[in-house]
Amino acid sequence: MISERTIAALAAAKARGQALGNPKLAEARAIANANHMAGADAFASSVAPAIREAQAAGAKTLRQIAAALNGRGIGTARGGKWEATTVANVLRRIG
């Protein structure tokens, strides 16, 4: 019953030309994406020295770098274990 009234009211509002939803959704999404990218850049910058040290110690492949980071107890951005793909993403981000 309530859902029928809600659907009817939204359809009537749309028929009147009223914009439905958040009018600033694109702006809010852009801000959220920028914050997410900034956080990822900051994490990549913080782990870059450890990656460079692993490479200097002889780790040549992405798997070897991941193993070195896991061996040192350095977690990923979400606290997980390093995989070759995760290392590749960080290397791509730091250039």
N, C-alpha and C. Protein backbone atom coordinates (compact mmCIF):
# COMPACT_ATOMS: atom_id res chain seq x y z
N MET A 1 0.83 -1.18 0.00
CA MET A 1 0.00 0.00 0.00
C MET A 1 0.88 1.25 0.00
N ILE A 2 1.83 1.33 0.91
CA ILE A 2 2.69 2.50 0.97
C ILE A 2 3.54 2.59 -0.29
N SER A 3 4.06 1.46 -0.75
CA SER A 3 4.90 1.48 -1.94
C SER A 3 4.13 1.96 -3.16
N GLU A 4 2.85 1.60 -3.25
CA GLU A 4 2.03 2.05 -4.38
C GLU A 4 1.86 3.57 -4.34
N ARG A 5 1.62 4.11 -3.15
CA ARG A 5 1.46 5.57 -3.03
C ARG A 5 2.77 6.27 -3.35
N THR A 6 3.89 5.71 -2.90
CA THR A 6 5.20 6.31 -3.18
C THR A 6 5.49 6.30 -4.66
N ILE A 7 5.25 5.18 -5.30
CA ILE A 7 5.48 5.08 -6.74
C ILE A 7 4.61 6.08 -7.48
N ALA A 8 3.35 6.21 -7.08
CA ALA A 8 2.45 7.15 -7.74
C ALA A 8 2.90 8.59 -7.52
N ALA A 9 3.33 8.90 -6.30
CA ALA A 9 3.78 10.26 -6.00
C ALA A 9 5.05 10.60 -6.79
N LEU A 10 5.98 9.66 -6.90
CA LEU A 10 7.20 9.91 -7.67
C LEU A 10 6.89 10.07 -9.16
N ALA A 11 5.97 9.27 -9.66
CA ALA A 11 5.58 9.39 -11.07
C ALA A 11 4.93 10.74 -11.33
N ALA A 12 4.09 11.20 -10.39
CA ALA A 12 3.44 12.51 -10.55
C ALA A 12 4.46 13.63 -10.51
N ALA A 13 5.42 13.55 -9.60
CA ALA A 13 6.47 14.57 -9.51
C ALA A 13 7.30 14.60 -10.79
N LYS A 14 7.59 13.43 -11.32
CA LYS A 14 8.37 13.36 -12.55
C LYS A 14 7.57 13.93 -13.71
N ALA A 15 6.28 13.68 -13.74
CA ALA A 15 5.42 14.21 -14.80
C ALA A 15 5.36 15.73 -14.74
N ARG A 16 5.47 16.30 -13.53
CA ARG A 16 5.48 17.76 -13.39
C ARG A 16 6.82 18.37 -13.79
N GLY A 17 7.81 17.51 -14.04
CA GLY A 17 9.12 18.00 -14.44
C GLY A 17 10.08 18.19 -13.30
N GLN A 18 9.71 17.74 -12.13
CA GLN A 18 10.58 17.87 -10.96
C GLN A 18 11.71 16.86 -11.07
N ALA A 19 12.93 17.31 -10.80
CA ALA A 19 14.09 16.42 -10.82
C ALA A 19 14.06 15.52 -9.59
N LEU A 20 14.23 14.23 -9.81
CA LEU A 20 14.23 13.28 -8.72
C LEU A 20 15.67 12.93 -8.35
N GLY A 21 15.89 12.63 -7.11
CA GLY A 21 17.22 12.24 -6.67
C GLY A 21 18.04 13.43 -6.22
N ASN A 22 19.30 13.17 -5.96
CA ASN A 22 20.22 14.19 -5.48
C ASN A 22 20.67 15.08 -6.64
N PRO A 23 20.38 16.35 -6.60
CA PRO A 23 20.79 17.21 -7.72
C PRO A 23 22.30 17.43 -7.80
N LYS A 24 23.00 17.15 -6.74
CA LYS A 24 24.45 17.35 -6.72
C LYS A 24 25.19 16.02 -6.71
N LEU A 25 24.60 14.98 -7.27
CA LEU A 25 25.19 13.65 -7.24
C LEU A 25 26.53 13.61 -7.97
N ALA A 26 26.59 14.23 -9.14
CA ALA A 26 27.85 14.21 -9.91
C ALA A 26 28.96 14.91 -9.14
N GLU A 27 28.63 16.02 -8.51
CA GLU A 27 29.62 16.75 -7.72
C GLU A 27 30.08 15.93 -6.52
N ALA A 28 29.14 15.30 -5.82
CA ALA A 28 29.49 14.48 -4.66
C ALA A 28 30.34 13.29 -5.09
N ARG A 29 30.00 12.68 -6.23
CA ARG A 29 30.76 11.53 -6.72
C ARG A 29 32.18 11.95 -7.09
N ALA A 30 32.33 13.12 -7.71
CA ALA A 30 33.66 13.61 -8.09
C ALA A 30 34.52 13.87 -6.85
N ILE A 31 33.94 14.42 -5.82
CA ILE A 31 34.67 14.68 -4.58
C ILE A 31 35.10 13.36 -3.93
N ALA A 32 34.18 12.39 -3.89
CA ALA A 32 34.49 11.09 -3.30
C ALA A 32 35.61 10.40 -4.08
N ASN A 33 35.54 10.46 -5.41
CA ASN A 33 36.58 9.83 -6.23
C ASN A 33 37.93 10.50 -6.01
N ALA A 34 37.93 11.83 -5.91
CA ALA A 34 39.18 12.55 -5.69
C ALA A 34 39.79 12.16 -4.33
N ASN A 35 38.95 12.04 -3.31
CA ASN A 35 39.44 11.63 -1.99
C ASN A 35 39.99 10.21 -2.02
N HIS A 36 39.32 9.33 -2.73
CA HIS A 36 39.77 7.95 -2.85
C HIS A 36 41.13 7.89 -3.55
N MET A 37 41.28 8.63 -4.63
CA MET A 37 42.54 8.64 -5.38
C MET A 37 43.66 9.24 -4.53
N ALA A 38 43.35 10.27 -3.77
CA ALA A 38 44.38 10.89 -2.92
C ALA A 38 44.85 9.90 -1.85
N GLY A 39 43.94 9.15 -1.29
CA GLY A 39 44.31 8.15 -0.30
C GLY A 39 45.17 7.05 -0.89
N ALA A 40 44.81 6.61 -2.11
CA ALA A 40 45.59 5.57 -2.78
C ALA A 40 46.98 6.09 -3.13
N ASP A 41 47.07 7.34 -3.57
CA ASP A 41 48.38 7.93 -3.88
C ASP A 41 49.24 8.02 -2.63
N ALA A 42 48.63 8.42 -1.52
CA ALA A 42 49.37 8.55 -0.27
C ALA A 42 49.88 7.18 0.20
N PHE A 43 49.05 6.14 0.09
CA PHE A 43 49.50 4.82 0.50
C PHE A 43 50.62 4.33 -0.40
N ALA A 44 50.48 4.54 -1.70
CA ALA A 44 51.52 4.11 -2.64
C ALA A 44 52.84 4.81 -2.33
N SER A 45 52.77 6.08 -2.01
CA SER A 45 53.99 6.82 -1.67
C SER A 45 54.62 6.30 -0.38
N SER A 46 53.78 5.88 0.57
CA SER A 46 54.32 5.42 1.84
C SER A 46 54.97 4.05 1.73
N VAL A 47 54.52 3.22 0.81
CA VAL A 47 55.06 1.87 0.67
C VAL A 47 56.17 1.80 -0.39
N ALA A 48 56.31 2.86 -1.17
CA ALA A 48 57.32 2.88 -2.23
C ALA A 48 58.74 2.63 -1.72
N PRO A 49 59.17 3.22 -0.61
CA PRO A 49 60.54 2.93 -0.14
C PRO A 49 60.77 1.45 0.16
N ALA A 50 59.77 0.78 0.73
CA ALA A 50 59.92 -0.64 1.03
C ALA A 50 60.02 -1.45 -0.26
N ILE A 51 59.28 -1.05 -1.28
CA ILE A 51 59.37 -1.74 -2.57
C ILE A 51 60.74 -1.53 -3.18
N ARG A 52 61.23 -0.31 -3.12
CA ARG A 52 62.56 -0.01 -3.67
C ARG A 52 63.64 -0.80 -2.91
N GLU A 53 63.50 -0.92 -1.60
CA GLU A 53 64.46 -1.70 -0.81
C GLU A 53 64.44 -3.17 -1.22
N ALA A 54 63.25 -3.69 -1.45
CA ALA A 54 63.12 -5.09 -1.87
C ALA A 54 63.78 -5.29 -3.23
N GLN A 55 63.59 -4.32 -4.12
CA GLN A 55 64.22 -4.42 -5.44
C GLN A 55 65.73 -4.32 -5.32
N ALA A 56 66.21 -3.46 -4.45
CA ALA A 56 67.65 -3.32 -4.26
C ALA A 56 68.26 -4.58 -3.65
N ALA A 57 67.46 -5.30 -2.86
CA ALA A 57 67.93 -6.53 -2.22
C ALA A 57 67.90 -7.73 -3.18
N GLY A 58 67.42 -7.50 -4.40
CA GLY A 58 67.45 -8.57 -5.39
C GLY A 58 66.11 -9.10 -5.85
N ALA A 59 65.02 -8.57 -5.34
CA ALA A 59 63.70 -9.00 -5.78
C ALA A 59 63.45 -8.43 -7.17
N LYS A 60 63.33 -9.31 -8.15
CA LYS A 60 63.17 -8.85 -9.53
C LYS A 60 61.75 -8.98 -10.05
N THR A 61 61.03 -9.99 -9.61
CA THR A 61 59.67 -10.19 -10.10
C THR A 61 58.67 -9.59 -9.13
N LEU A 62 57.46 -9.42 -9.60
CA LEU A 62 56.40 -8.89 -8.75
C LEU A 62 56.11 -9.83 -7.59
N ARG A 63 56.17 -11.13 -7.85
CA ARG A 63 55.94 -12.11 -6.78
C ARG A 63 57.02 -12.02 -5.71
N GLN A 64 58.26 -11.82 -6.12
CA GLN A 64 59.35 -11.70 -5.15
C GLN A 64 59.19 -10.45 -4.31
N ILE A 65 58.77 -9.36 -4.94
CA ILE A 65 58.53 -8.12 -4.19
C ILE A 65 57.40 -8.32 -3.20
N ALA A 66 56.33 -8.98 -3.65
CA ALA A 66 55.19 -9.25 -2.76
C ALA A 66 55.62 -10.10 -1.58
N ALA A 67 56.44 -11.12 -1.85
CA ALA A 67 56.93 -11.98 -0.77
C ALA A 67 57.78 -11.19 0.21
N ALA A 68 58.60 -10.27 -0.30
CA ALA A 68 59.44 -9.45 0.58
C ALA A 68 58.58 -8.54 1.46
N LEU A 69 57.55 -7.94 0.89
CA LEU A 69 56.67 -7.07 1.68
C LEU A 69 55.91 -7.88 2.73
N ASN A 70 55.43 -9.05 2.34
CA ASN A 70 54.73 -9.90 3.31
C ASN A 70 55.68 -10.37 4.40
N GLY A 71 56.91 -10.67 4.03
CA GLY A 71 57.90 -11.11 5.00
C GLY A 71 58.25 -10.04 6.02
N ARG A 72 58.19 -8.79 5.59
CA ARG A 72 58.47 -7.69 6.51
C ARG A 72 57.25 -7.28 7.32
N GLY A 73 56.11 -7.91 7.06
CA GLY A 73 54.90 -7.60 7.81
C GLY A 73 54.20 -6.34 7.37
N ILE A 74 54.49 -5.89 6.17
CA ILE A 74 53.84 -4.69 5.64
C ILE A 74 52.54 -5.13 4.97
N GLY A 75 51.43 -4.58 5.41
CA GLY A 75 50.14 -4.93 4.85
C GLY A 75 49.77 -4.05 3.67
N THR A 76 48.80 -4.50 2.91
CA THR A 76 48.28 -3.70 1.81
C THR A 76 47.45 -2.56 2.39
N ALA A 77 46.86 -1.76 1.55
CA ALA A 77 46.07 -0.62 2.01
C ALA A 77 44.92 -1.05 2.91
N ARG A 78 44.40 -2.24 2.67
CA ARG A 78 43.30 -2.75 3.49
C ARG A 78 43.78 -3.77 4.51
N GLY A 79 45.09 -3.89 4.67
CA GLY A 79 45.64 -4.76 5.69
C GLY A 79 45.80 -6.21 5.26
N GLY A 80 45.64 -6.49 3.97
CA GLY A 80 45.76 -7.85 3.49
C GLY A 80 47.18 -8.21 3.11
N LYS A 81 47.31 -9.36 2.47
CA LYS A 81 48.61 -9.82 2.00
C LYS A 81 48.86 -9.32 0.59
N TRP A 82 50.12 -9.12 0.29
CA TRP A 82 50.53 -8.64 -1.02
C TRP A 82 50.48 -9.76 -2.04
N GLU A 83 50.02 -9.44 -3.22
CA GLU A 83 50.04 -10.33 -4.38
C GLU A 83 50.76 -9.59 -5.50
N ALA A 84 51.12 -10.30 -6.54
CA ALA A 84 51.84 -9.69 -7.66
C ALA A 84 51.03 -8.54 -8.27
N THR A 85 49.73 -8.73 -8.40
CA THR A 85 48.88 -7.69 -8.99
C THR A 85 48.84 -6.45 -8.12
N THR A 86 48.82 -6.62 -6.81
CA THR A 86 48.80 -5.48 -5.90
C THR A 86 50.09 -4.68 -6.02
N VAL A 87 51.20 -5.38 -6.12
CA VAL A 87 52.49 -4.71 -6.30
C VAL A 87 52.50 -3.96 -7.64
N ALA A 88 51.99 -4.60 -8.68
CA ALA A 88 51.95 -3.96 -9.99
C ALA A 88 51.11 -2.68 -9.95
N ASN A 89 49.98 -2.71 -9.25
CA ASN A 89 49.14 -1.52 -9.14
C ASN A 89 49.87 -0.39 -8.44
N VAL A 90 50.59 -0.71 -7.38
CA VAL A 90 51.33 0.33 -6.65
C VAL A 90 52.45 0.88 -7.52
N LEU A 91 53.17 0.00 -8.20
CA LEU A 91 54.25 0.46 -9.08
C LEU A 91 53.72 1.35 -10.19
N ARG A 92 52.56 1.02 -10.73
CA ARG A 92 51.96 1.83 -11.78
C ARG A 92 51.58 3.21 -11.22
N ARG A 93 51.12 3.24 -9.99
CA ARG A 93 50.70 4.50 -9.38
C ARG A 93 51.88 5.41 -9.07
N ILE A 94 53.01 4.82 -8.61
CA ILE A 94 54.15 5.66 -8.24
C ILE A 94 55.06 5.95 -9.42
N GLY A 95 54.82 5.27 -10.52
CA GLY A 95 55.57 5.58 -11.73
C GLY A 95 56.85 4.91 -11.89
